[in-house]
Protein backbone atom coordinates (compact mmCIF):
# COMPACT_ATOMS: atom_id res chain seq x y z
CA UNK A 1 -17.20 -41.18 63.86
CA UNK A 2 -16.39 -41.32 67.56
CA UNK A 3 -16.44 -38.00 69.44
CA UNK A 4 -14.42 -37.60 72.61
CA UNK A 5 -16.25 -37.39 75.92
CA UNK A 6 -15.24 -35.22 78.85
CA UNK A 7 -13.45 -38.26 80.29
CA UNK A 8 -11.47 -38.68 77.07
CA UNK A 9 -10.46 -35.03 77.05
CA UNK A 10 -9.43 -35.07 80.71
CA UNK A 11 -7.46 -38.28 80.19
CA UNK A 12 -5.52 -36.81 77.28
CA UNK A 13 -4.89 -33.54 79.10
CA UNK A 14 -3.38 -35.39 82.07
CA UNK A 15 -1.24 -37.66 79.84
CA UNK A 16 0.07 -34.64 77.96
CA UNK A 17 0.76 -32.75 81.20
CA UNK A 18 2.83 -35.67 82.48
CA UNK A 19 4.80 -35.90 79.25
CA UNK A 20 5.46 -32.15 79.21
CA UNK A 21 7.10 -32.54 82.62
CA UNK A 22 9.11 -35.54 81.40
CA UNK A 23 10.36 -33.57 78.38
CA UNK A 24 11.41 -30.70 80.63
CA UNK A 25 13.37 -33.11 82.80
CA UNK A 26 15.10 -34.57 79.75
CA UNK A 27 16.06 -31.11 78.50
CA UNK A 28 17.46 -29.97 81.84
CA UNK A 29 19.42 -33.23 82.20
CA UNK A 30 17.44 -34.70 85.07
CA UNK A 31 16.67 -37.68 82.82
CA UNK A 32 19.24 -39.43 80.65
CA UNK A 33 18.27 -40.53 77.15
CA UNK A 34 18.07 -44.14 78.38
CA UNK A 35 15.71 -43.09 81.19
CA UNK A 36 13.66 -40.91 78.83
CA UNK A 37 13.34 -43.52 76.07
CA UNK A 38 10.50 -45.65 77.55
CA UNK A 39 8.61 -42.47 78.46
CA UNK A 40 8.83 -40.95 74.99
CA UNK A 41 7.95 -44.23 73.30
CA UNK A 42 4.74 -44.39 75.32
CA UNK A 43 3.86 -41.11 73.62
CA UNK A 44 4.84 -42.02 70.07
CA UNK A 45 8.19 -40.19 70.01
CA UNK A 46 11.17 -41.85 68.32
CA UNK A 47 14.76 -40.74 67.92
CA UNK A 48 15.57 -41.32 64.26
CA UNK A 49 18.62 -40.74 62.05
CA UNK A 50 18.42 -36.96 61.89
CA UNK A 51 15.87 -35.83 64.44
CA UNK A 52 13.01 -36.92 66.65
CA UNK A 53 9.99 -38.40 64.86
CA UNK A 54 6.46 -38.18 66.22
CA UNK A 55 4.00 -40.89 65.20
CA UNK A 56 0.36 -39.83 65.56
CA UNK A 57 -2.43 -42.39 65.75
CA UNK A 58 -5.31 -42.25 63.31
CA UNK A 59 -7.51 -44.86 65.01
CA UNK A 60 -8.91 -47.34 62.46
CA UNK A 61 -7.88 -44.85 59.75
CA UNK A 62 -10.79 -42.43 60.26
CA UNK A 63 -10.50 -38.63 60.18
CA UNK A 64 -12.87 -35.71 59.93
CA UNK A 65 -11.99 -32.45 58.12
CA UNK A 66 -11.12 -30.59 61.34
CA UNK A 67 -8.64 -33.31 62.25
CA UNK A 68 -7.06 -33.28 58.79
CA UNK A 69 -6.67 -29.50 58.97
CA UNK A 70 -5.02 -29.84 62.37
CA UNK A 71 -2.53 -32.32 60.89
CA UNK A 72 -1.79 -29.74 58.19
CA UNK A 73 -1.36 -27.00 60.79
CA UNK A 74 1.10 -29.15 62.76
CA UNK A 75 3.06 -29.84 59.56
CA UNK A 76 3.41 -26.11 58.92
CA UNK A 77 3.93 -24.90 62.47
CA UNK A 78 6.21 -27.58 63.91
CA UNK A 79 7.57 -29.57 60.98
CA UNK A 80 8.60 -28.94 57.35
CA UNK A 81 5.19 -28.58 55.74
CA UNK A 82 4.33 -32.24 55.16
CA UNK A 83 3.43 -35.48 56.90
CA UNK A 84 3.99 -39.12 56.03
CA UNK A 85 1.07 -41.57 56.17
CA UNK A 86 2.15 -45.07 57.16
CA UNK A 87 1.10 -48.70 56.73
CA UNK A 88 -0.38 -48.61 60.26
CA UNK A 89 -2.87 -45.84 59.35
CA UNK A 90 -0.74 -43.37 61.31
CA UNK A 91 0.91 -40.11 60.30
CA UNK A 92 4.55 -39.39 61.08
CA UNK A 93 6.27 -36.03 61.47
CA UNK A 94 9.98 -36.36 60.84
CA UNK A 95 11.37 -33.06 62.14
CA UNK A 96 9.74 -31.93 65.44
CA UNK A 97 11.89 -30.25 68.09
CA UNK A 98 11.81 -32.02 71.43
CA UNK A 99 10.79 -28.95 73.40
CA UNK A 100 7.81 -28.42 71.08
CA UNK A 101 6.42 -31.97 71.12
CA UNK A 102 4.18 -31.32 74.17
CA UNK A 103 2.64 -28.38 72.27
CA UNK A 104 1.97 -30.69 69.30
CA UNK A 105 0.26 -33.22 71.59
CA UNK A 106 -1.92 -30.48 73.08
CA UNK A 107 -2.85 -29.33 69.56
CA UNK A 108 -3.80 -32.89 68.61
CA UNK A 109 -5.95 -33.23 71.72
CA UNK A 110 -7.99 -30.20 70.61
CA UNK A 111 -9.45 -32.33 67.81
CA UNK A 112 -9.48 -35.73 69.52
CA UNK A 113 -6.16 -37.10 68.26
CA UNK A 114 -3.18 -38.45 70.16
CA UNK A 115 0.07 -40.39 69.88
CA UNK A 116 -0.58 -42.90 72.67
CA UNK A 117 0.58 -46.48 72.01
CA UNK A 118 1.92 -45.75 68.54
CA UNK A 119 5.14 -47.26 69.84
CA UNK A 120 6.44 -49.53 72.57
CA UNK A 121 5.70 -53.13 73.54
CA UNK A 122 1.99 -52.60 73.88
CA UNK A 123 -1.19 -52.87 71.82
CA UNK A 124 -0.61 -50.51 68.91
CA UNK A 125 -3.06 -48.40 66.90
CA UNK A 126 -6.00 -50.63 65.95
CA UNK A 127 -6.34 -50.71 62.17
CA UNK A 128 -9.40 -51.43 60.04
CA UNK A 129 -10.62 -51.76 56.48
CA UNK A 130 -10.17 -48.32 54.91
CA UNK A 131 -13.53 -48.72 53.12
CA UNK A 132 -15.31 -49.29 56.45
CA UNK A 133 -18.88 -48.04 56.53
CA UNK A 134 -19.02 -47.70 52.74
CA UNK A 135 -17.98 -50.93 50.99
CA UNK A 136 -20.53 -52.83 48.94
CA UNK A 137 -19.27 -56.16 50.32
CA UNK A 138 -19.45 -55.14 53.97
CA UNK A 139 -21.39 -57.22 56.50
CA UNK A 140 -21.03 -54.57 59.21
CA UNK A 141 -18.97 -51.45 59.87
CA UNK A 142 -15.98 -52.66 61.94
CA UNK A 143 -15.07 -49.24 63.34
CA UNK A 144 -17.31 -49.32 66.45
CA UNK A 145 -15.60 -52.58 67.44
CA UNK A 146 -12.20 -51.06 66.68
CA UNK A 147 -13.05 -48.10 68.90
CA UNK A 148 -14.14 -50.45 71.70
CA UNK A 149 -10.80 -52.26 71.41
CA UNK A 150 -8.95 -48.94 71.41
CA UNK A 151 -10.65 -47.88 74.64
CA UNK A 152 -10.12 -51.27 76.28
CA UNK A 153 -6.44 -51.45 75.33
CA UNK A 154 -5.41 -47.86 76.08
CA UNK A 155 -3.31 -47.84 79.23
CA UNK A 156 -4.49 -51.37 80.06
CA UNK A 157 -2.33 -52.10 83.11
CA UNK A 158 -1.39 -55.64 82.06
CA UNK A 159 -0.46 -54.81 78.49
CA UNK A 160 1.87 -51.82 78.69
CA UNK A 161 5.04 -53.93 78.87
CA UNK A 162 4.39 -56.96 76.70
CA UNK A 163 7.20 -59.07 75.31
CA UNK A 164 6.88 -57.18 72.01
CA UNK A 165 4.56 -54.83 70.18
CA UNK A 166 1.10 -56.24 69.48
CA UNK A 167 -1.05 -55.37 66.47
CA UNK A 168 -4.78 -55.87 65.95
CA UNK A 169 -6.61 -55.41 62.64
CA UNK A 170 -10.30 -55.79 61.82
CA UNK A 171 -12.51 -56.00 58.76
CA UNK A 172 -16.26 -56.21 58.40
CA UNK A 173 -16.23 -57.20 54.73
CA UNK A 174 -16.12 -60.42 52.78
CA UNK A 175 -12.97 -59.22 50.99
CA UNK A 176 -10.01 -58.61 53.27
CA UNK A 177 -8.58 -55.12 52.77
CA UNK A 178 -7.14 -54.93 56.30
CA UNK A 179 -4.45 -57.65 55.96
CA UNK A 180 -5.86 -59.39 59.03
CA UNK A 181 -3.74 -62.53 58.54
CA UNK A 182 -0.55 -60.53 59.01
CA UNK A 183 -1.60 -59.23 62.44
CA UNK A 184 -0.99 -60.61 65.92
CA UNK A 185 -4.78 -60.75 66.12
CA UNK A 186 -6.92 -60.37 63.01
CA UNK A 187 -10.69 -60.12 63.26
CA UNK A 188 -13.27 -60.60 60.54
CA UNK A 189 -16.97 -59.95 61.18
CA UNK A 190 -18.92 -62.98 60.01
CA UNK A 191 -22.52 -64.19 60.20
CA UNK A 192 -23.84 -67.54 61.33
CA UNK A 193 -27.50 -68.47 61.68
CA UNK A 194 -28.49 -64.82 61.42
CA UNK A 195 -26.14 -63.68 64.22
CA UNK A 196 -22.96 -61.66 63.87
CA UNK A 197 -19.70 -62.74 65.37
CA UNK A 198 -15.99 -62.86 64.59
CA UNK A 199 -13.47 -65.11 62.96
CA UNK A 200 -10.41 -64.74 65.18
CA UNK A 201 -7.03 -65.12 63.49
CA UNK A 202 -3.94 -65.22 65.69
CA UNK A 203 -0.21 -65.34 65.08
CA UNK A 204 0.30 -63.41 61.88
CA UNK A 205 3.18 -61.02 61.39
CA UNK A 206 5.93 -60.02 59.02
CA UNK A 207 9.43 -58.89 60.03
CA UNK A 208 12.39 -61.26 60.11
CA UNK A 209 10.15 -64.32 60.60
CA UNK A 210 7.06 -63.77 58.44
CA UNK A 211 4.03 -65.91 59.18
CA UNK A 212 0.39 -66.04 58.13
CA UNK A 213 -1.99 -66.18 61.07
CA UNK A 214 -4.06 -69.23 62.03
CA UNK A 215 -7.78 -69.26 62.80
CA UNK A 216 -8.22 -69.77 66.53
CA UNK A 217 -12.02 -69.46 66.42
CA UNK A 218 -14.06 -69.56 63.22
CA UNK A 219 -17.03 -68.03 65.03
CA UNK A 220 -16.85 -66.06 68.26
CA UNK A 221 -20.14 -64.56 69.44
CA UNK A 222 -20.12 -60.78 69.37
CA UNK A 223 -20.67 -60.46 73.12
CA UNK A 224 -17.57 -62.55 73.86
CA UNK A 225 -15.04 -60.43 71.97
CA UNK A 226 -13.26 -58.52 74.75
CA UNK A 227 -12.96 -61.44 77.19
CA UNK A 228 -11.61 -63.58 74.34
CA UNK A 229 -9.08 -60.91 73.33
CA UNK A 230 -8.06 -60.61 76.95
CA UNK A 231 -7.63 -64.40 77.09
CA UNK A 232 -5.36 -64.30 74.03
CA UNK A 233 -3.29 -61.44 75.44
CA UNK A 234 -3.06 -63.05 78.88
CA UNK A 235 -1.91 -66.36 77.40
CA UNK A 236 0.70 -64.58 75.30
CA UNK A 237 1.86 -62.40 78.19
CA UNK A 238 2.32 -65.40 80.50
CA UNK A 239 3.80 -67.89 78.05
CA UNK A 240 5.52 -65.74 75.43
CA UNK A 241 9.30 -65.61 75.30
CA UNK A 242 11.18 -62.69 76.78
CA UNK A 243 14.72 -64.05 76.45
CA UNK A 244 15.04 -62.96 72.82
CA UNK A 245 13.12 -60.00 71.40
CA UNK A 246 13.27 -61.53 67.92
CA UNK A 247 11.32 -64.53 69.21
CA UNK A 248 8.93 -62.68 71.48
CA UNK A 249 5.97 -62.20 69.11
CA UNK A 250 2.84 -64.32 69.48
CA UNK A 251 3.51 -65.88 66.05
CA UNK A 252 6.60 -67.57 67.55
CA UNK A 253 4.51 -68.78 70.48
CA UNK A 254 2.09 -70.48 68.08
CA UNK A 255 4.94 -71.90 66.04
CA UNK A 256 6.71 -73.38 69.07
CA UNK A 257 3.66 -74.76 70.91
CA UNK A 258 1.24 -75.41 68.05
CA UNK A 259 -2.13 -73.83 67.40
CA UNK A 260 -4.09 -76.58 69.21
CA UNK A 261 -2.24 -76.08 72.50
CA UNK A 262 -2.56 -72.29 72.30
CA UNK A 263 -6.25 -72.61 71.48
CA UNK A 264 -6.77 -74.82 74.55
CA UNK A 265 -4.93 -72.37 76.82
CA UNK A 266 -6.87 -69.42 75.43
CA UNK A 267 -10.20 -71.20 75.90
CA UNK A 268 -9.25 -71.97 79.50
CA UNK A 269 -8.43 -68.31 80.17
CA UNK A 270 -11.58 -67.23 78.34
CA UNK A 271 -13.85 -69.30 80.59
CA UNK A 272 -12.16 -67.76 83.62
CA UNK A 273 -12.43 -64.17 82.32
CA UNK A 274 -15.81 -64.25 80.64
CA UNK A 275 -17.82 -63.40 83.71
CA UNK A 276 -15.67 -60.41 84.64
CA UNK A 277 -17.18 -58.19 81.95
CA UNK A 278 -20.84 -58.61 83.00
CA UNK A 279 -22.12 -56.97 79.83
CA UNK A 280 -20.41 -53.63 80.51
CA UNK A 281 -18.45 -53.90 77.29
CA UNK A 282 -21.62 -54.48 75.27
CA UNK A 283 -23.27 -51.48 76.85
CA UNK A 284 -20.26 -49.41 75.89
CA UNK A 285 -20.28 -50.83 72.36
CA UNK A 286 -23.93 -49.87 71.96
CA UNK A 287 -23.05 -46.30 72.98
CA UNK A 288 -20.12 -46.20 70.56
CA UNK A 289 -22.26 -47.45 67.66
CA UNK A 290 -24.45 -44.35 67.91
CA UNK A 291 -21.48 -42.28 66.73
CA UNK A 292 -21.08 -44.32 63.53
CA UNK A 293 -24.49 -43.88 61.95
CA UNK A 294 -24.24 -43.64 58.15
CA UNK A 295 -24.57 -40.20 56.57
CA UNK A 296 -27.75 -39.01 54.90
CA UNK A 297 -27.08 -40.24 51.38
CA UNK A 298 -28.47 -38.17 48.51
CA UNK A 299 -30.86 -39.51 45.91
CA UNK A 300 -29.79 -37.72 42.75
CA UNK A 301 -29.10 -38.60 39.10
CA UNK A 302 -25.53 -39.51 38.15
CA UNK A 303 -25.69 -38.42 34.51
CA UNK A 304 -22.83 -35.92 35.02
CA UNK A 305 -20.55 -38.83 35.87
CA UNK A 306 -21.63 -40.84 32.85
CA UNK A 307 -21.19 -37.85 30.54
CA UNK A 308 -17.72 -37.02 31.87
CA UNK A 309 -16.62 -40.62 31.65
CA UNK A 310 -17.70 -40.82 28.02
CA UNK A 311 -16.17 -37.49 27.00
CA UNK A 312 -12.91 -37.25 28.97
CA UNK A 313 -10.33 -40.09 28.69
CA UNK A 314 -8.30 -38.71 31.59
CA UNK A 315 -11.32 -38.78 33.87
CA UNK A 316 -12.28 -42.23 32.58
CA UNK A 317 -8.82 -43.63 33.39
CA UNK A 318 -9.03 -42.20 36.90
CA UNK A 319 -12.55 -43.54 37.40
CA UNK A 320 -11.48 -47.00 36.25
CA UNK A 321 -8.65 -47.25 38.80
CA UNK A 322 -9.47 -44.96 41.72
CA UNK A 323 -13.18 -45.67 42.30
CA UNK A 324 -14.65 -48.62 44.19
CA UNK A 325 -18.18 -49.94 44.62
CA UNK A 326 -20.25 -48.27 47.35
CA UNK A 327 -23.15 -49.86 49.19
CA UNK A 328 -25.40 -46.84 48.54
CA UNK A 329 -26.91 -46.40 45.06
CA UNK A 330 -25.41 -43.49 43.13
CA UNK A 331 -22.26 -43.31 45.30
CA UNK A 332 -18.64 -44.33 44.88
CA UNK A 333 -15.64 -44.74 47.17
CA UNK A 334 -12.77 -42.52 46.01
CA UNK A 335 -9.17 -43.46 46.69
CA UNK A 336 -6.92 -40.42 46.35
CA UNK A 337 -3.43 -41.46 45.31
CA UNK A 338 -0.48 -40.13 47.31
CA UNK A 339 1.75 -41.82 44.71
CA UNK A 340 2.18 -39.35 41.86
CA UNK A 341 4.93 -40.71 39.63
CA UNK A 342 8.26 -39.84 41.23
CA UNK A 343 6.72 -38.71 44.53
CA UNK A 344 7.47 -40.13 47.97
CA UNK A 345 4.81 -42.76 48.71
CA UNK A 346 2.56 -41.66 51.56
CA UNK A 347 3.75 -38.05 51.80
CA UNK A 348 1.16 -35.27 51.75
CA UNK A 349 1.88 -31.56 51.94
CA UNK A 350 -0.03 -29.32 54.31
CA UNK A 351 -1.78 -27.69 51.32
CA UNK A 352 -2.86 -31.10 50.05
CA UNK A 353 -4.19 -32.05 53.49
CA UNK A 354 -6.20 -28.85 53.68
CA UNK A 355 -7.61 -29.42 50.21
CA UNK A 356 -8.63 -32.97 51.13
CA UNK A 357 -10.39 -31.60 54.21
CA UNK A 358 -12.24 -29.06 52.04
CA UNK A 359 -13.23 -31.71 49.51
CA UNK A 360 -14.47 -34.02 52.25
CA UNK A 361 -16.74 -31.24 53.49
CA UNK A 362 -17.92 -30.29 50.00
CA UNK A 363 -18.38 -33.72 48.45
CA UNK A 364 -17.68 -36.44 51.02
CA UNK A 365 -20.11 -36.11 53.95
CA UNK A 366 -17.27 -34.85 56.18
CA UNK A 367 -15.37 -38.16 56.26
CA UNK A 368 -11.86 -39.27 55.29
CA UNK A 369 -9.94 -42.49 55.71
CA UNK A 370 -6.24 -43.32 55.64
CA UNK A 371 -5.38 -46.68 54.08
CA UNK A 372 -2.57 -49.02 55.07
CA UNK A 373 -1.52 -48.63 51.45
CA UNK A 374 -0.58 -45.00 52.21
CA UNK A 375 -3.41 -43.32 50.32
CA UNK A 376 -6.38 -41.18 51.40
CA UNK A 377 -9.99 -42.28 50.96
CA UNK A 378 -13.13 -40.19 50.51
CA UNK A 379 -15.57 -42.98 51.38
CA UNK A 380 -18.87 -41.34 50.42
CA UNK A 381 -18.95 -39.32 47.18
CA UNK A 382 -22.01 -39.06 44.97
CA UNK A 383 -21.20 -39.88 41.37
CA UNK A 384 -22.57 -36.54 40.16
CA UNK A 385 -19.81 -34.80 42.14
CA UNK A 386 -16.95 -36.90 40.80
CA UNK A 387 -16.03 -34.73 37.78
CA UNK A 388 -15.65 -31.63 39.96
CA UNK A 389 -13.79 -33.60 42.62
CA UNK A 390 -11.39 -35.02 40.04
CA UNK A 391 -10.66 -31.58 38.62
CA UNK A 392 -9.81 -30.24 42.08
CA UNK A 393 -7.57 -33.22 42.81
CA UNK A 394 -5.69 -32.86 39.50
CA UNK A 395 -4.97 -29.19 40.19
CA UNK A 396 -3.33 -30.20 43.50
CA UNK A 397 -1.24 -33.06 42.11
CA UNK A 398 -3.59 -35.63 43.65
CA UNK A 399 -5.31 -36.89 40.52
CA UNK A 400 -2.96 -39.74 39.60
CA UNK A 401 -4.91 -42.66 38.11
CA UNK A 402 -2.85 -45.52 39.50
CA UNK A 403 -4.59 -47.20 42.44
CA UNK A 404 -3.66 -50.88 42.45
CA UNK A 405 -1.19 -50.42 39.60
CA UNK A 406 2.57 -50.77 39.53
CA UNK A 407 3.29 -47.19 40.69
CA UNK A 408 0.93 -47.45 43.67
CA UNK A 409 3.90 -48.69 45.70
CA UNK A 410 4.00 -49.18 49.45
CA UNK A 411 7.37 -48.06 50.80
CA UNK A 412 8.69 -47.49 54.31
CA UNK A 413 10.81 -44.36 54.99
CA UNK A 414 13.97 -46.46 54.73
CA UNK A 415 17.43 -45.13 55.31
CA UNK A 416 16.42 -41.58 54.40
CA UNK A 417 14.86 -41.30 57.87
CA UNK A 418 14.78 -44.52 59.88
CA UNK A 419 17.53 -45.43 62.35
CA UNK A 420 16.79 -49.14 61.86
CA UNK A 421 16.93 -49.17 58.07
CA UNK A 422 19.80 -50.80 56.21
CA UNK A 423 18.90 -49.52 52.73
CA UNK A 424 16.86 -46.83 51.03
CA UNK A 425 13.25 -47.47 50.03
CA UNK A 426 11.96 -44.12 48.81
CA UNK A 427 14.35 -43.64 45.85
CA UNK A 428 13.71 -47.19 44.64
CA UNK A 429 9.95 -46.60 44.69
CA UNK A 430 10.33 -43.28 42.91
CA UNK A 431 12.55 -44.76 40.21
CA UNK A 432 10.25 -47.74 39.55
CA UNK A 433 7.20 -45.49 39.27
CA UNK A 434 9.02 -43.06 36.99
CA UNK A 435 10.36 -45.84 34.76
CA UNK A 436 6.95 -47.41 34.14
CA UNK A 437 5.45 -43.99 33.51
CA UNK A 438 8.10 -43.55 30.82
CA UNK A 439 7.24 -46.94 29.35
CA UNK A 440 3.49 -46.14 29.45
CA UNK A 441 2.85 -49.73 30.50
CA UNK A 442 1.20 -49.72 33.89
CA UNK A 443 -2.41 -49.68 32.68
CA UNK A 444 -1.60 -52.52 30.29
CA UNK A 445 0.09 -54.44 33.13
CA UNK A 446 -2.98 -54.03 35.34
CA UNK A 447 -3.20 -54.92 39.06
CA UNK A 448 0.25 -55.39 40.54
CA UNK A 449 1.30 -54.76 44.14
CA UNK A 450 4.93 -53.75 44.72
CA UNK A 451 5.95 -53.32 48.36
CA UNK A 452 9.38 -52.15 49.53
CA UNK A 453 11.05 -52.38 52.96
CA UNK A 454 14.37 -50.87 53.89
CA UNK A 455 15.18 -53.52 56.49
CA UNK A 456 14.00 -56.89 57.79
CA UNK A 457 11.44 -55.28 60.09
CA UNK A 458 9.21 -55.18 56.99
CA UNK A 459 7.33 -51.93 57.62
CA UNK A 460 6.78 -51.81 53.85
CA UNK A 461 5.00 -55.21 53.93
CA UNK A 462 7.33 -56.59 51.25
CA UNK A 463 6.58 -60.19 52.27
CA UNK A 464 3.00 -59.88 51.00
CA UNK A 465 3.76 -57.96 47.82
CA UNK A 466 3.16 -59.57 44.45
CA UNK A 467 6.67 -58.25 43.96
CA UNK A 468 8.38 -57.66 47.29
CA UNK A 469 11.66 -55.77 47.60
CA UNK A 470 13.81 -55.95 50.73
CA UNK A 471 16.76 -53.61 51.07
CA UNK A 472 19.74 -54.97 53.02
CA UNK A 473 23.31 -53.98 53.78
CA UNK A 474 25.89 -56.25 52.18
CA UNK A 475 29.39 -55.24 53.32
CA UNK A 476 28.41 -51.57 53.32
CA UNK A 477 26.59 -51.73 49.98
CA UNK A 478 22.82 -51.62 49.49
CA UNK A 479 21.50 -54.90 48.16
CA UNK A 480 17.88 -55.57 47.20
CA UNK A 481 16.28 -59.00 47.43
CA UNK A 482 13.16 -59.77 45.41
CA UNK A 483 10.31 -62.02 46.55
CA UNK A 484 7.44 -63.08 44.33
CA UNK A 485 3.91 -64.31 44.91
CA UNK A 486 3.05 -62.61 48.18
CA UNK A 487 -0.59 -61.72 48.82
CA UNK A 488 -2.18 -59.50 51.47
CA UNK A 489 -5.82 -60.39 50.77
CA UNK A 490 -8.09 -63.36 51.51
CA UNK A 491 -5.59 -65.86 50.14
CA UNK A 492 -2.77 -64.34 52.18
CA UNK A 493 0.65 -65.71 51.35
CA UNK A 494 4.29 -64.96 52.04
CA UNK A 495 6.34 -64.33 48.91
CA UNK A 496 9.18 -66.62 47.83
CA UNK A 497 12.69 -65.30 47.44
CA UNK A 498 13.68 -65.33 43.77
CA UNK A 499 17.45 -65.56 44.22
CA UNK A 500 20.47 -63.29 44.80
CA UNK A 501 19.89 -59.61 45.40
CA UNK A 502 20.50 -56.65 43.12
CA UNK A 503 22.44 -53.44 43.58
CA UNK A 504 20.69 -50.09 43.85
CA UNK A 505 21.67 -49.42 40.23
CA UNK A 506 20.23 -52.73 39.01
CA UNK A 507 17.00 -53.16 40.96
CA UNK A 508 14.79 -51.08 38.64
CA UNK A 509 16.02 -53.00 35.61
CA UNK A 510 15.31 -56.28 37.41
CA UNK A 511 11.72 -55.25 38.09
CA UNK A 512 11.33 -54.16 34.47
CA UNK A 513 12.51 -57.59 33.25
CA UNK A 514 10.02 -59.28 35.59
CA UNK A 515 7.10 -57.25 34.32
CA UNK A 516 8.01 -57.63 30.65
CA UNK A 517 8.29 -61.39 31.19
CA UNK A 518 4.82 -61.41 32.75
CA UNK A 519 3.37 -59.61 29.73
CA UNK A 520 4.78 -62.36 27.51
CA UNK A 521 3.64 -65.16 29.80
CA UNK A 522 0.08 -64.20 30.65
CA UNK A 523 -2.69 -66.02 28.83
CA UNK A 524 -4.89 -62.94 28.48
CA UNK A 525 -5.14 -59.32 29.64
CA UNK A 526 -7.44 -60.56 32.39
CA UNK A 527 -4.77 -62.78 33.95
CA UNK A 528 -3.01 -60.75 36.64
CA UNK A 529 0.66 -60.97 37.57
CA UNK A 530 -0.21 -62.93 40.71
CA UNK A 531 -2.38 -65.41 38.82
CA UNK A 532 0.32 -65.92 36.20
CA UNK A 533 2.90 -66.52 38.90
CA UNK A 534 0.66 -69.04 40.65
CA UNK A 535 -0.02 -70.84 37.38
CA UNK A 536 3.59 -71.08 36.20
CA UNK A 537 5.66 -70.93 39.38
CA UNK A 538 9.00 -69.27 39.92
CA UNK A 539 11.05 -70.73 37.04
CA UNK A 540 10.15 -68.41 34.14
CA UNK A 541 10.38 -65.33 36.35
CA UNK A 542 13.72 -66.39 37.76
CA UNK A 543 14.97 -66.85 34.20
CA UNK A 544 13.92 -63.29 33.42
CA UNK A 545 15.60 -61.93 36.53
CA UNK A 546 18.86 -63.81 35.97
CA UNK A 547 19.32 -64.10 32.19
CA UNK A 548 22.84 -65.45 32.64
CA UNK A 549 23.23 -68.59 34.72
CA UNK A 550 26.30 -67.08 36.34
CA UNK A 551 24.04 -64.45 37.93
CA UNK A 552 22.49 -67.12 40.14
CA UNK A 553 25.82 -67.74 41.80
CA UNK A 554 26.40 -64.07 42.59
């Protein structure tokens, strides 16, 4: 993984020094809250319902054990002993004191972490496939490119005050695990005639106007990436709307002008900008790539894994759900669930973080990843070590065998924390997970993505959930709308609203009726919920949700 240079360290030290002075001026009253707001947002600090919240970037989801231990230390020293991993591969601390935030930023800088551009109308934390560098279906590790984009975009003078926030995601695999079609710019590494390049997708996004991105270039040569990104950003910055923040995203620009016109404008800018880079970016990329060499994989028998899988049904269930194919023989990718039944999705205690750091050192070649699905990945674990790893995870409450199942729910913080939320998300997720654990059905149900947002900003990605749940305020009462058929993968799709919403008391029962109907409707155990929905359409699921016709008029 990337290691900070002396320039990086000096840059962070100066940024943190400036923010320390800004905090002092806010505390002594020299700055009003309105004056302080743009300054704190540039450093990832929000003012939420109950306290300030600090959002820390985990660039392209990659951590080493020292960094994970530092996150645990911050949770203990300056927060309430836990952190919340988000759908942007960040971690949020919900209870820091304003006067202590500069100390937190200095502590982060000690291990090469920061909170820069985790907020504001700028290019946010660049996200990537959480299996990067390990996946069996990977063409190339996307993280060196993500790091190049991070360096290019950090404090870029033209892109600090865009019309709205701007998100970039990248994958290097044939299977999209980075939700690239729901980003302002999504990049997929592709090959053509033996050369690597990028498919460039532009104009995706969720929120109040969800849209799936359009391919602007099906093949962009590798050397042209930064000038092309700059052309896209320049076109958006010049032409994008600023009269209405709800219509200021690049997806609206594409919708209003059409993809062909935007493509032509981008190509015009690209030809003008292309010569400005003079190969400097490719020299820098070559330097960055040296930091992402694969680990020295072991060549050892995996009989211990086979024996444990045959003898222990608990281990076998975990292996069936939480392991993914690795590109190296004898290895597996381990997804550690932060979704124990009844737990808050994405929360990890400081003790759990420290354990994960220890396990990464002992079994995982010193690497961890954070997924946009709010789980932690050990990307390189030899199969012979999996029984011991699983035992350690179980002892810490991290051994839940539910990855990809109904209780592996994405949920935003909702009205328990967020000042923008109009309904709670966390209790709904907890209740759904607990209910299906009681029913002992989730392994029979199989792959099913439930995603929950507590407001129309869609931080829980509900639009692309197989079952999406959106919490809204209806005359002071929480009301939950259900969408069906969303998809965050290669066949990305926005879910369709099923009908009237449900109260907080009724939403779990509604989801239960949906799932039981699916079990009756599927043609075989191999037909997933999403495939059944696509085969039959909305009608039978709507009938299950609203068993009385009068419910549809509610």
